[in-house]
Structures are given as C-alpha cells and as structure tokens.
Amino acid sequence: MVKYKKNIFNNFICVKLIVMINEFPLSLDCGNLSDPLNGNVALPNVTVVNITANYSCNDNYTMIGDSSRRCLDSGVWEGVEPACLANGRNDVYRVYRFF
C-alpha cells in the first residue's frame, strides 16, 4: 500500500511503501543455492530474508556441517554449504574442518 501526504511545500511525498509477495515483505533476495555433491537443498519459491533452506544427503552419506541456512537481512545466506561425506570416510572431514 502506498500513502501520500503533503509536505510544507504543498507537494505530495511518499511516506510508506510496503509490497507483499506470497505474504513476505519485498526485500533482498539471497538467490538460489546449489545442491551439495551427493545431496540436495530444499528451497521455497522465494529466497528472501528469514527464509530457511534445508539440506539433506543421499543414502550412505553423512552430512558435515549445518543442515539448514537462513537468508540474512544483508541478502546473503548464513553459514556455509554443508558437505555430504560417504559413510566410513573421515579424511575429507579433517580437510573440511580445517577451513
């Protein structure tokens, strides 16, 4: 909804603008995320502030890292993409933890 009011110069100025998309205020878009190798990420139709992306790994793979990430007010996803590690392997985990 847009509202206008007159300022001291008798000109109309916009004082408030709120646009809603699927019940979310229009805001920064964090963009799509890629599926991790040997896994996938579930995203809603919009990737705006406070939306959560949920990761999962394929069968026989274990997730290293957080299983979800949230779209931040700055327009970037919090955290880093998790990795899906083949069960029984820990060498990649050591490298992943290093970074």
PDB file of N, CA and C in Angstrom:
ATOM      1  N   MET A   1       0.842  -1.174   0.000  1.00  0.00           N
ATOM      2  CA  MET A   1       0.000   0.000   0.000  1.00  0.00           C
ATOM      3  C   MET A   1       0.883   1.231   0.000  1.00  0.00           C
ATOM      4  N   VAL A   2       0.504   2.218  -0.776  1.00  0.00           N
ATOM      5  CA  VAL A   2       1.255   3.461  -0.848  1.00  0.00           C
ATOM      6  C   VAL A   2       0.391   4.569  -0.278  1.00  0.00           C
ATOM      7  N   LYS A   3       0.980   5.379   0.602  1.00  0.00           N
ATOM      8  CA  LYS A   3       0.278   6.528   1.160  1.00  0.00           C
ATOM      9  C   LYS A   3       1.065   7.779   0.814  1.00  0.00           C
ATOM     10  N   TYR A   4       0.350   8.841   0.564  1.00  0.00           N
ATOM     11  CA  TYR A   4       0.991  10.105   0.260  1.00  0.00           C
ATOM     12  C   TYR A   4       0.477  11.151   1.237  1.00  0.00           C
ATOM     13  N   LYS A   5       1.320  12.125   1.534  1.00  0.00           N
ATOM     14  CA  LYS A   5       0.864  13.273   2.296  1.00  0.00           C
ATOM     15  C   LYS A   5       1.609  14.494   1.801  1.00  0.00           C
ATOM     16  N   LYS A   6       1.050  15.655   2.050  1.00  0.00           N
ATOM     17  CA  LYS A   6       1.673  16.889   1.583  1.00  0.00           C
ATOM     18  C   LYS A   6       2.765  17.313   2.556  1.00  0.00           C
ATOM     19  N   ASN A   7       3.864  17.822   1.990  1.00  0.00           N
ATOM     20  CA  ASN A   7       4.904  18.374   2.842  1.00  0.00           C
ATOM     21  C   ASN A   7       4.684  19.877   2.972  1.00  0.00           C
ATOM     22  N   ILE A   8       5.622  20.568   3.588  1.00  0.00           N
ATOM     23  CA  ILE A   8       5.430  22.009   3.835  1.00  0.00           C
ATOM     24  C   ILE A   8       5.419  22.826   2.548  1.00  0.00           C
ATOM     25  N   PHE A   9       5.889  22.259   1.444  1.00  0.00           N
ATOM     26  CA  PHE A   9       5.886  22.967   0.174  1.00  0.00           C
ATOM     27  C   PHE A   9       4.647  22.641  -0.649  1.00  0.00           C
ATOM     28  N   ASN A  10       3.698  21.941  -0.033  1.00  0.00           N
ATOM     29  CA  ASN A  10       2.444  21.572  -0.667  1.00  0.00           C
ATOM     30  C   ASN A  10       2.645  20.571  -1.802  1.00  0.00           C
ATOM     31  N   ASN A  11       3.750  19.801  -1.742  1.00  0.00           N
ATOM     32  CA  ASN A  11       3.994  18.748  -2.717  1.00  0.00           C
ATOM     33  C   ASN A  11       3.663  17.411  -2.063  1.00  0.00           C
ATOM     34  N   PHE A  12       3.234  16.484  -2.866  1.00  0.00           N
ATOM     35  CA  PHE A  12       2.951  15.166  -2.337  1.00  0.00           C
ATOM     36  C   PHE A  12       4.246  14.358  -2.261  1.00  0.00           C
ATOM     37  N   ILE A  13       4.446  13.686  -1.144  1.00  0.00           N
ATOM     38  CA  ILE A  13       5.599  12.810  -0.992  1.00  0.00           C
ATOM     39  C   ILE A  13       5.115  11.445  -0.524  1.00  0.00           C
ATOM     40  N   CYS A  14       5.854  10.449  -0.913  1.00  0.00           N
ATOM     41  CA  CYS A  14       5.535   9.090  -0.497  1.00  0.00           C
ATOM     42  C   CYS A  14       6.066   8.896   0.913  1.00  0.00           C
ATOM     43  N   VAL A  15       5.213   8.432   1.836  1.00  0.00           N
ATOM     44  CA  VAL A  15       5.654   8.245   3.214  1.00  0.00           C
ATOM     45  C   VAL A  15       5.773   6.792   3.611  1.00  0.00           C
ATOM     46  N   LYS A  16       5.158   5.901   2.868  1.00  0.00           N
ATOM     47  CA  LYS A  16       5.239   4.496   3.238  1.00  0.00           C
ATOM     48  C   LYS A  16       4.929   3.634   2.022  1.00  0.00           C
ATOM     49  N   LEU A  17       5.747   2.590   1.847  1.00  0.00           N
ATOM     50  CA  LEU A  17       5.523   1.662   0.747  1.00  0.00           C
ATOM     51  C   LEU A  17       5.835   0.267   1.240  1.00  0.00           C
ATOM     52  N   ILE A  18       4.846  -0.584   1.217  1.00  0.00           N
ATOM     53  CA  ILE A  18       5.032  -1.983   1.589  1.00  0.00           C
ATOM     54  C   ILE A  18       4.475  -2.824   0.463  1.00  0.00           C
ATOM     55  N   VAL A  19       5.281  -3.699  -0.085  1.00  0.00           N
ATOM     56  CA  VAL A  19       4.850  -4.603  -1.142  1.00  0.00           C
ATOM     57  C   VAL A  19       4.925  -6.014  -0.585  1.00  0.00           C
ATOM     58  N   MET A  20       3.864  -6.772  -0.760  1.00  0.00           N
ATOM     59  CA  MET A  20       3.851  -8.130  -0.246  1.00  0.00           C
ATOM     60  C   MET A  20       3.901  -9.119  -1.401  1.00  0.00           C
ATOM     61  N   ILE A  21       4.759 -10.139  -1.265  1.00  0.00           N
ATOM     62  CA  ILE A  21       4.832 -11.239  -2.223  1.00  0.00           C
ATOM     63  C   ILE A  21       4.670 -12.520  -1.438  1.00  0.00           C
ATOM     64  N   ASN A  22       3.616 -13.264  -1.710  1.00  0.00           N
ATOM     65  CA  ASN A  22       3.366 -14.517  -1.003  1.00  0.00           C
ATOM     66  C   ASN A  22       3.478 -14.346   0.506  1.00  0.00           C
ATOM     67  N   GLU A  23       2.941 -13.264   1.030  1.00  0.00           N
ATOM     68  CA  GLU A  23       2.907 -12.973   2.462  1.00  0.00           C
ATOM     69  C   GLU A  23       4.259 -12.577   3.046  1.00  0.00           C
ATOM     70  N   PHE A  24       5.263 -12.357   2.226  1.00  0.00           N
ATOM     71  CA  PHE A  24       6.557 -11.900   2.712  1.00  0.00           C
ATOM     72  C   PHE A  24       6.786 -10.483   2.212  1.00  0.00           C
ATOM     73  N   PRO A  25       7.299  -9.581   3.058  1.00  0.00           N
ATOM     74  CA  PRO A  25       7.610  -8.243   2.557  1.00  0.00           C
ATOM     75  C   PRO A  25       8.685  -8.336   1.475  1.00  0.00           C
ATOM     76  N   LEU A  26       8.552  -7.509   0.455  1.00  0.00           N
ATOM     77  CA  LEU A  26       9.565  -7.474  -0.588  1.00  0.00           C
ATOM     78  C   LEU A  26      10.873  -7.031   0.044  1.00  0.00           C
ATOM     79  N   SER A  27      11.897  -7.811  -0.122  1.00  0.00           N
ATOM     80  CA  SER A  27      13.182  -7.499   0.497  1.00  0.00           C
ATOM     81  C   SER A  27      14.297  -8.104  -0.326  1.00  0.00           C
ATOM     82  N   LEU A  28      15.486  -8.047   0.204  1.00  0.00           N
ATOM     83  CA  LEU A  28      16.633  -8.593  -0.504  1.00  0.00           C
ATOM     84  C   LEU A  28      16.451 -10.073  -0.779  1.00  0.00           C
ATOM     85  N   ASP A  29      16.877 -10.486  -1.948  1.00  0.00           N
ATOM     86  CA  ASP A  29      16.789 -11.881  -2.349  1.00  0.00           C
ATOM     87  C   ASP A  29      18.170 -12.504  -2.215  1.00  0.00           C
ATOM     88  N   CYS A  30      18.277 -13.582  -1.457  1.00  0.00           N
ATOM     89  CA  CYS A  30      19.560 -14.254  -1.263  1.00  0.00           C
ATOM     90  C   CYS A  30      19.950 -15.112  -2.464  1.00  0.00           C
ATOM     91  N   GLY A  31      19.033 -15.365  -3.346  1.00  0.00           N
ATOM     92  CA  GLY A  31      19.338 -16.165  -4.528  1.00  0.00           C
ATOM     93  C   GLY A  31      19.274 -17.660  -4.252  1.00  0.00           C
ATOM     94  N   ASN A  32      19.351 -18.417  -5.322  1.00  0.00           N
ATOM     95  CA  ASN A  32      19.268 -19.873  -5.205  1.00  0.00           C
ATOM     96  C   ASN A  32      20.562 -20.459  -4.668  1.00  0.00           C
ATOM     97  N   LEU A  33      20.451 -21.643  -4.100  1.00  0.00           N
ATOM     98  CA  LEU A  33      21.602 -22.401  -3.616  1.00  0.00           C
ATOM     99  C   LEU A  33      21.748 -23.655  -4.459  1.00  0.00           C
ATOM    100  N   SER A  34      22.973 -24.090  -4.633  1.00  0.00           N
ATOM    101  CA  SER A  34      23.233 -25.312  -5.385  1.00  0.00           C
ATOM    102  C   SER A  34      23.167 -26.522  -4.467  1.00  0.00           C
ATOM    103  N   ASP A  35      22.765 -27.643  -5.044  1.00  0.00           N
ATOM    104  CA  ASP A  35      22.789 -28.896  -4.290  1.00  0.00           C
ATOM    105  C   ASP A  35      24.231 -29.254  -3.963  1.00  0.00           C
ATOM    106  N   PRO A  36      24.483 -29.712  -2.739  1.00  0.00           N
ATOM    107  CA  PRO A  36      25.840 -30.189  -2.448  1.00  0.00           C
ATOM    108  C   PRO A  36      26.084 -31.500  -3.189  1.00  0.00           C
ATOM    109  N   LEU A  37      27.341 -31.840  -3.432  1.00  0.00           N
ATOM    110  CA  LEU A  37      27.689 -33.099  -4.055  1.00  0.00           C
ATOM    111  C   LEU A  37      27.148 -34.237  -3.196  1.00  0.00           C
ATOM    112  N   ASN A  38      26.408 -35.150  -3.779  1.00  0.00           N
ATOM    113  CA  ASN A  38      25.798 -36.299  -3.090  1.00  0.00           C
ATOM    114  C   ASN A  38      24.703 -35.891  -2.106  1.00  0.00           C
ATOM    115  N   GLY A  39      24.006 -34.805  -2.419  1.00  0.00           N
ATOM    116  CA  GLY A  39      22.909 -34.355  -1.566  1.00  0.00           C
ATOM    117  C   GLY A  39      22.014 -33.390  -2.309  1.00  0.00           C
ATOM    118  N   ASN A  40      21.108 -32.751  -1.568  1.00  0.00           N
ATOM    119  CA  ASN A  40      20.243 -31.747  -2.187  1.00  0.00           C
ATOM    120  C   ASN A  40      19.848 -30.694  -1.170  1.00  0.00           C
ATOM    121  N   VAL A  41      19.322 -29.592  -1.686  1.00  0.00           N
ATOM    122  CA  VAL A  41      18.844 -28.498  -0.851  1.00  0.00           C
ATOM    123  C   VAL A  41      17.396 -28.215  -1.234  1.00  0.00           C
ATOM    124  N   ALA A  42      16.546 -28.062  -0.216  1.00  0.00           N
ATOM    125  CA  ALA A  42      15.129 -27.746  -0.435  1.00  0.00           C
ATOM    126  C   ALA A  42      14.915 -26.265  -0.140  1.00  0.00           C
ATOM    127  N   LEU A  43      14.387 -25.569  -1.151  1.00  0.00           N
ATOM    128  CA  LEU A  43      14.116 -24.136  -1.024  1.00  0.00           C
ATOM    129  C   LEU A  43      12.660 -23.849  -1.338  1.00  0.00           C
ATOM    130  N   PRO A  44      12.072 -22.852  -0.658  1.00  0.00           N
ATOM    131  CA  PRO A  44      10.719 -22.426  -1.048  1.00  0.00           C
ATOM    132  C   PRO A  44      10.787 -21.648  -2.368  1.00  0.00           C
ATOM    133  N   ASN A  45       9.644 -21.195  -2.847  1.00  0.00           N
ATOM    134  CA  ASN A  45       9.585 -20.472  -4.124  1.00  0.00           C
ATOM    135  C   ASN A  45      10.297 -19.127  -4.079  1.00  0.00           C
ATOM    136  N   VAL A  46      10.392 -18.524  -2.892  1.00  0.00           N
ATOM    137  CA  VAL A  46      11.070 -17.241  -2.747  1.00  0.00           C
ATOM    138  C   VAL A  46      12.267 -17.418  -1.821  1.00  0.00           C
ATOM    139  N   THR A  47      13.322 -16.648  -2.064  1.00  0.00           N
ATOM    140  CA  THR A  47      14.522 -16.757  -1.239  1.00  0.00           C
ATOM    141  C   THR A  47      14.832 -15.396  -0.625  1.00  0.00           C
ATOM    142  N   VAL A  48      13.882 -14.889   0.150  1.00  0.00           N
ATOM    143  CA  VAL A  48      14.027 -13.582   0.773  1.00  0.00           C
ATOM    144  C   VAL A  48      14.381 -13.728   2.247  1.00  0.00           C
ATOM    145  N   VAL A  49      14.583 -12.616   2.909  1.00  0.00           N
ATOM    146  CA  VAL A  49      15.012 -12.572   4.304  1.00  0.00           C
ATOM    147  C   VAL A  49      14.180 -13.487   5.196  1.00  0.00           C
ATOM    148  N   ASN A  50      14.868 -14.232   6.045  1.00  0.00           N
ATOM    149  CA  ASN A  50      14.323 -15.160   7.048  1.00  0.00           C
ATOM    150  C   ASN A  50      13.818 -16.484   6.479  1.00  0.00           C
ATOM    151  N   ILE A  51      13.933 -16.692   5.187  1.00  0.00           N
ATOM    152  CA  ILE A  51      13.591 -17.990   4.608  1.00  0.00           C
ATOM    153  C   ILE A  51      14.707 -18.976   4.962  1.00  0.00           C
ATOM    154  N   THR A  52      14.340 -20.215   5.202  1.00  0.00           N
ATOM    155  CA  THR A  52      15.322 -21.237   5.549  1.00  0.00           C
ATOM    156  C   THR A  52      15.443 -22.266   4.435  1.00  0.00           C
ATOM    157  N   ALA A  53      16.682 -22.595   4.106  1.00  0.00           N
ATOM    158  CA  ALA A  53      16.980 -23.658   3.151  1.00  0.00           C
ATOM    159  C   ALA A  53      17.404 -24.884   3.958  1.00  0.00           C
ATOM    160  N   ASN A  54      16.901 -26.054   3.597  1.00  0.00           N
ATOM    161  CA  ASN A  54      17.213 -27.288   4.312  1.00  0.00           C
ATOM    162  C   ASN A  54      17.964 -28.256   3.416  1.00  0.00           C
ATOM    163  N   TYR A  55      19.080 -28.757   3.927  1.00  0.00           N
ATOM    164  CA  TYR A  55      19.937 -29.679   3.184  1.00  0.00           C
ATOM    165  C   TYR A  55      19.714 -31.109   3.645  1.00  0.00           C
ATOM    166  N   SER A  56      19.940 -32.038   2.743  1.00  0.00           N
ATOM    167  CA  SER A  56      19.929 -33.461   3.087  1.00  0.00           C
ATOM    168  C   SER A  56      20.960 -34.167   2.209  1.00  0.00           C
ATOM    169  N   CYS A  57      21.394 -35.339   2.667  1.00  0.00           N
ATOM    170  CA  CYS A  57      22.378 -36.120   1.923  1.00  0.00           C
ATOM    171  C   CYS A  57      21.730 -37.383   1.376  1.00  0.00           C
ATOM    172  N   ASN A  58      22.297 -37.895   0.307  1.00  0.00           N
ATOM    173  CA  ASN A  58      21.835 -39.152  -0.276  1.00  0.00           C
ATOM    174  C   ASN A  58      22.075 -40.303   0.697  1.00  0.00           C
ATOM    175  N   ASP A  59      21.437 -41.436   0.425  1.00  0.00           N
ATOM    176  CA  ASP A  59      21.666 -42.630   1.237  1.00  0.00           C
ATOM    177  C   ASP A  59      23.151 -42.969   1.256  1.00  0.00           C
ATOM    178  N   ASN A  60      23.614 -43.454   2.391  1.00  0.00           N
ATOM    179  CA  ASN A  60      25.010 -43.854   2.604  1.00  0.00           C
ATOM    180  C   ASN A  60      25.974 -42.674   2.640  1.00  0.00           C
ATOM    181  N   TYR A  61      25.457 -41.484   2.871  1.00  0.00           N
ATOM    182  CA  TYR A  61      26.282 -40.292   3.035  1.00  0.00           C
ATOM    183  C   TYR A  61      25.873 -39.594   4.329  1.00  0.00           C
ATOM    184  N   THR A  62      26.843 -38.977   4.989  1.00  0.00           N
ATOM    185  CA  THR A  62      26.606 -38.269   6.245  1.00  0.00           C
ATOM    186  C   THR A  62      26.907 -36.786   6.045  1.00  0.00           C
ATOM    187  N   MET A  63      26.044 -35.945   6.589  1.00  0.00           N
ATOM    188  CA  MET A  63      26.223 -34.507   6.450  1.00  0.00           C
ATOM    189  C   MET A  63      27.281 -34.007   7.425  1.00  0.00           C
ATOM    190  N   ILE A  64      28.173 -33.177   6.906  1.00  0.00           N
ATOM    191  CA  ILE A  64      29.169 -32.490   7.722  1.00  0.00           C
ATOM    192  C   ILE A  64      28.834 -31.005   7.628  1.00  0.00           C
ATOM    193  N   GLY A  65      28.446 -30.422   8.736  1.00  0.00           N
ATOM    194  CA  GLY A  65      28.034 -29.017   8.760  1.00  0.00           C
ATOM    195  C   GLY A  65      26.572 -28.907   9.142  1.00  0.00           C
ATOM    196  N   ASP A  66      26.066 -27.704   9.061  1.00  0.00           N
ATOM    197  CA  ASP A  66      24.668 -27.434   9.430  1.00  0.00           C
ATOM    198  C   ASP A  66      23.709 -27.897   8.341  1.00  0.00           C
ATOM    199  N   SER A  67      22.558 -28.410   8.765  1.00  0.00           N
ATOM    200  CA  SER A  67      21.570 -28.918   7.812  1.00  0.00           C
ATOM    201  C   SER A  67      20.646 -27.831   7.274  1.00  0.00           C
ATOM    202  N   SER A  68      20.774 -26.604   7.798  1.00  0.00           N
ATOM    203  CA  SER A  68      19.929 -25.520   7.289  1.00  0.00           C
ATOM    204  C   SER A  68      20.716 -24.213   7.291  1.00  0.00           C
ATOM    205  N   ARG A  69      20.270 -23.308   6.424  1.00  0.00           N
ATOM    206  CA  ARG A  69      20.840 -21.965   6.332  1.00  0.00           C
ATOM    207  C   ARG A  69      19.694 -20.982   6.178  1.00  0.00           C
ATOM    208  N   ARG A  70      19.851 -19.792   6.746  1.00  0.00           N
ATOM    209  CA  ARG A  70      18.808 -18.771   6.715  1.00  0.00           C
ATOM    210  C   ARG A  70      19.269 -17.595   5.865  1.00  0.00           C
ATOM    211  N   CYS A  71      18.341 -17.021   5.125  1.00  0.00           N
ATOM    212  CA  CYS A  71      18.609 -15.824   4.338  1.00  0.00           C
ATOM    213  C   CYS A  71      18.663 -14.630   5.293  1.00  0.00           C
ATOM    214  N   LEU A  72      19.791 -13.953   5.340  1.00  0.00           N
ATOM    215  CA  LEU A  72      20.003 -12.853   6.270  1.00  0.00           C
ATOM    216  C   LEU A  72      19.517 -11.517   5.709  1.00  0.00           C
ATOM    217  N   ASP A  73      19.369 -10.540   6.594  1.00  0.00           N
ATOM    218  CA  ASP A  73      18.935  -9.198   6.206  1.00  0.00           C
ATOM    219  C   ASP A  73      19.866  -8.564   5.174  1.00  0.00           C
ATOM    220  N   SER A  74      21.103  -9.003   5.131  1.00  0.00           N
ATOM    221  CA  SER A  74      22.089  -8.439   4.203  1.00  0.00           C
ATOM    222  C   SER A  74      21.952  -9.015   2.791  1.00  0.00           C
ATOM    223  N   GLY A  75      21.069 -10.005   2.613  1.00  0.00           N
ATOM    224  CA  GLY A  75      20.867 -10.593   1.292  1.00  0.00           C
ATOM    225  C   GLY A  75      21.819 -11.729   0.975  1.00  0.00           C
ATOM    226  N   VAL A  76      22.468 -12.287   1.992  1.00  0.00           N
ATOM    227  CA  VAL A  76      23.349 -13.438   1.811  1.00  0.00           C
ATOM    228  C   VAL A  76      22.890 -14.569   2.727  1.00  0.00           C
ATOM    229  N   TRP A  77      23.251 -15.791   2.357  1.00  0.00           N
ATOM    230  CA  TRP A  77      22.911 -16.952   3.176  1.00  0.00           C
ATOM    231  C   TRP A  77      23.878 -17.055   4.343  1.00  0.00           C
ATOM    232  N   GLU A  78      23.362 -17.351   5.530  1.00  0.00           N
ATOM    233  CA  GLU A  78      24.250 -17.517   6.678  1.00  0.00           C
ATOM    234  C   GLU A  78      25.019 -18.830   6.559  1.00  0.00           C
ATOM    235  N   GLY A  79      26.192 -18.860   7.145  1.00  0.00           N
ATOM    236  CA  GLY A  79      26.980 -20.085   7.181  1.00  0.00           C
ATOM    237  C   GLY A  79      27.530 -20.490   5.834  1.00  0.00           C
ATOM    238  N   VAL A  80      27.910 -21.752   5.763  1.00  0.00           N
ATOM    239  CA  VAL A  80      28.472 -22.301   4.529  1.00  0.00           C
ATOM    240  C   VAL A  80      27.716 -23.562   4.142  1.00  0.00           C
ATOM    241  N   GLU A  81      27.819 -23.916   2.883  1.00  0.00           N
ATOM    242  CA  GLU A  81      27.166 -25.130   2.395  1.00  0.00           C
ATOM    243  C   GLU A  81      27.759 -26.351   3.098  1.00  0.00           C
ATOM    244  N   PRO A  82      26.908 -27.252   3.590  1.00  0.00           N
ATOM    245  CA  PRO A  82      27.439 -28.469   4.204  1.00  0.00           C
ATOM    246  C   PRO A  82      27.987 -29.420   3.147  1.00  0.00           C
ATOM    247  N   ALA A  83      28.718 -30.414   3.598  1.00  0.00           N
ATOM    248  CA  ALA A  83      29.257 -31.437   2.698  1.00  0.00           C
ATOM    249  C   ALA A  83      28.602 -32.772   3.029  1.00  0.00           C
ATOM    250  N   CYS A  84      28.427 -33.610   2.030  1.00  0.00           N
ATOM    251  CA  CYS A  84      27.903 -34.959   2.220  1.00  0.00           C
ATOM    252  C   CYS A  84      29.055 -35.934   2.022  1.00  0.00           C
ATOM    253  N   LEU A  85      29.453 -36.571   3.094  1.00  0.00           N
ATOM    254  CA  LEU A  85      30.621 -37.442   3.129  1.00  0.00           C
ATOM    255  C   LEU A  85      30.185 -38.894   3.106  1.00  0.00           C
ATOM    256  N   ALA A  86      30.810 -39.693   2.257  1.00  0.00           N
ATOM    257  CA  ALA A  86      30.489 -41.122   2.181  1.00  0.00           C
ATOM    258  C   ALA A  86      30.705 -41.759   3.542  1.00  0.00           C
ATOM    259  N   ASN A  87      29.762 -42.574   3.971  1.00  0.00           N
ATOM    260  CA  ASN A  87      29.887 -43.250   5.264  1.00  0.00           C
ATOM    261  C   ASN A  87      31.192 -44.035   5.321  1.00  0.00           C
ATOM    262  N   GLY A  88      31.861 -43.973   6.467  1.00  0.00           N
ATOM    263  CA  GLY A  88      33.101 -44.705   6.657  1.00  0.00           C
ATOM    264  C   GLY A  88      34.343 -43.928   6.265  1.00  0.00           C
ATOM    265  N   ARG A  89      34.189 -42.698   5.792  1.00  0.00           N
ATOM    266  CA  ARG A  89      35.357 -41.881   5.417  1.00  0.00           C
ATOM    267  C   ARG A  89      35.469 -40.713   6.379  1.00  0.00           C
ATOM    268  N   ASN A  90      36.678 -40.424   6.842  1.00  0.00           N
ATOM    269  CA  ASN A  90      36.851 -39.262   7.699  1.00  0.00           C
ATOM    270  C   ASN A  90      37.980 -38.354   7.231  1.00  0.00           C
ATOM    271  N   ASP A  91      38.698 -38.728   6.161  1.00  0.00           N
ATOM    272  CA  ASP A  91      39.796 -37.903   5.678  1.00  0.00           C
ATOM    273  C   ASP A  91      39.303 -36.558   5.143  1.00  0.00           C
ATOM    274  N   VAL A  92      38.177 -36.556   4.439  1.00  0.00           N
ATOM    275  CA  VAL A  92      37.630 -35.305   3.921  1.00  0.00           C
ATOM    276  C   VAL A  92      37.149 -34.433   5.068  1.00  0.00           C
ATOM    277  N   TYR A  93      36.655 -35.057   6.115  1.00  0.00           N
ATOM    278  CA  TYR A  93      36.175 -34.291   7.266  1.00  0.00           C
ATOM    279  C   TYR A  93      37.302 -33.467   7.880  1.00  0.00           C
ATOM    280  N   ARG A  94      38.482 -34.024   7.970  1.00  0.00           N
ATOM    281  CA  ARG A  94      39.614 -33.278   8.530  1.00  0.00           C
ATOM    282  C   ARG A  94      39.919 -32.044   7.676  1.00  0.00           C
ATOM    283  N   VAL A  95      39.897 -32.206   6.370  1.00  0.00           N
ATOM    284  CA  VAL A  95      40.157 -31.073   5.473  1.00  0.00           C
ATOM    285  C   VAL A  95      39.048 -30.037   5.601  1.00  0.00           C
ATOM    286  N   TYR A  96      37.802 -30.502   5.637  1.00  0.00           N
ATOM    287  CA  TYR A  96      36.653 -29.591   5.734  1.00  0.00           C
ATOM    288  C   TYR A  96      36.723 -28.772   7.018  1.00  0.00           C
ATOM    289  N   ARG A  97      37.051 -29.404   8.125  1.00  0.00           N
ATOM    290  CA  ARG A  97      37.138 -28.698   9.411  1.00  0.00           C
ATOM    291  C   ARG A  97      38.253 -27.665   9.408  1.00  0.00           C
ATOM    292  N   PHE A  98      39.323 -27.928   8.660  1.00  0.00           N
ATOM    293  CA  PHE A  98      40.453 -27.006   8.608  1.00  0.00           C
ATOM    294  C   PHE A  98      40.036 -25.647   8.092  1.00  0.00           C
ATOM    295  N   PHE A  99      39.138 -25.610   7.111  1.00  0.00           N
ATOM    296  CA  PHE A  99      38.710 -24.348   6.529  1.00  0.00           C
ATOM    297  C   PHE A  99      37.601 -23.803   7.348  1.00  0.00           C
TER     298      PHE A  99
END
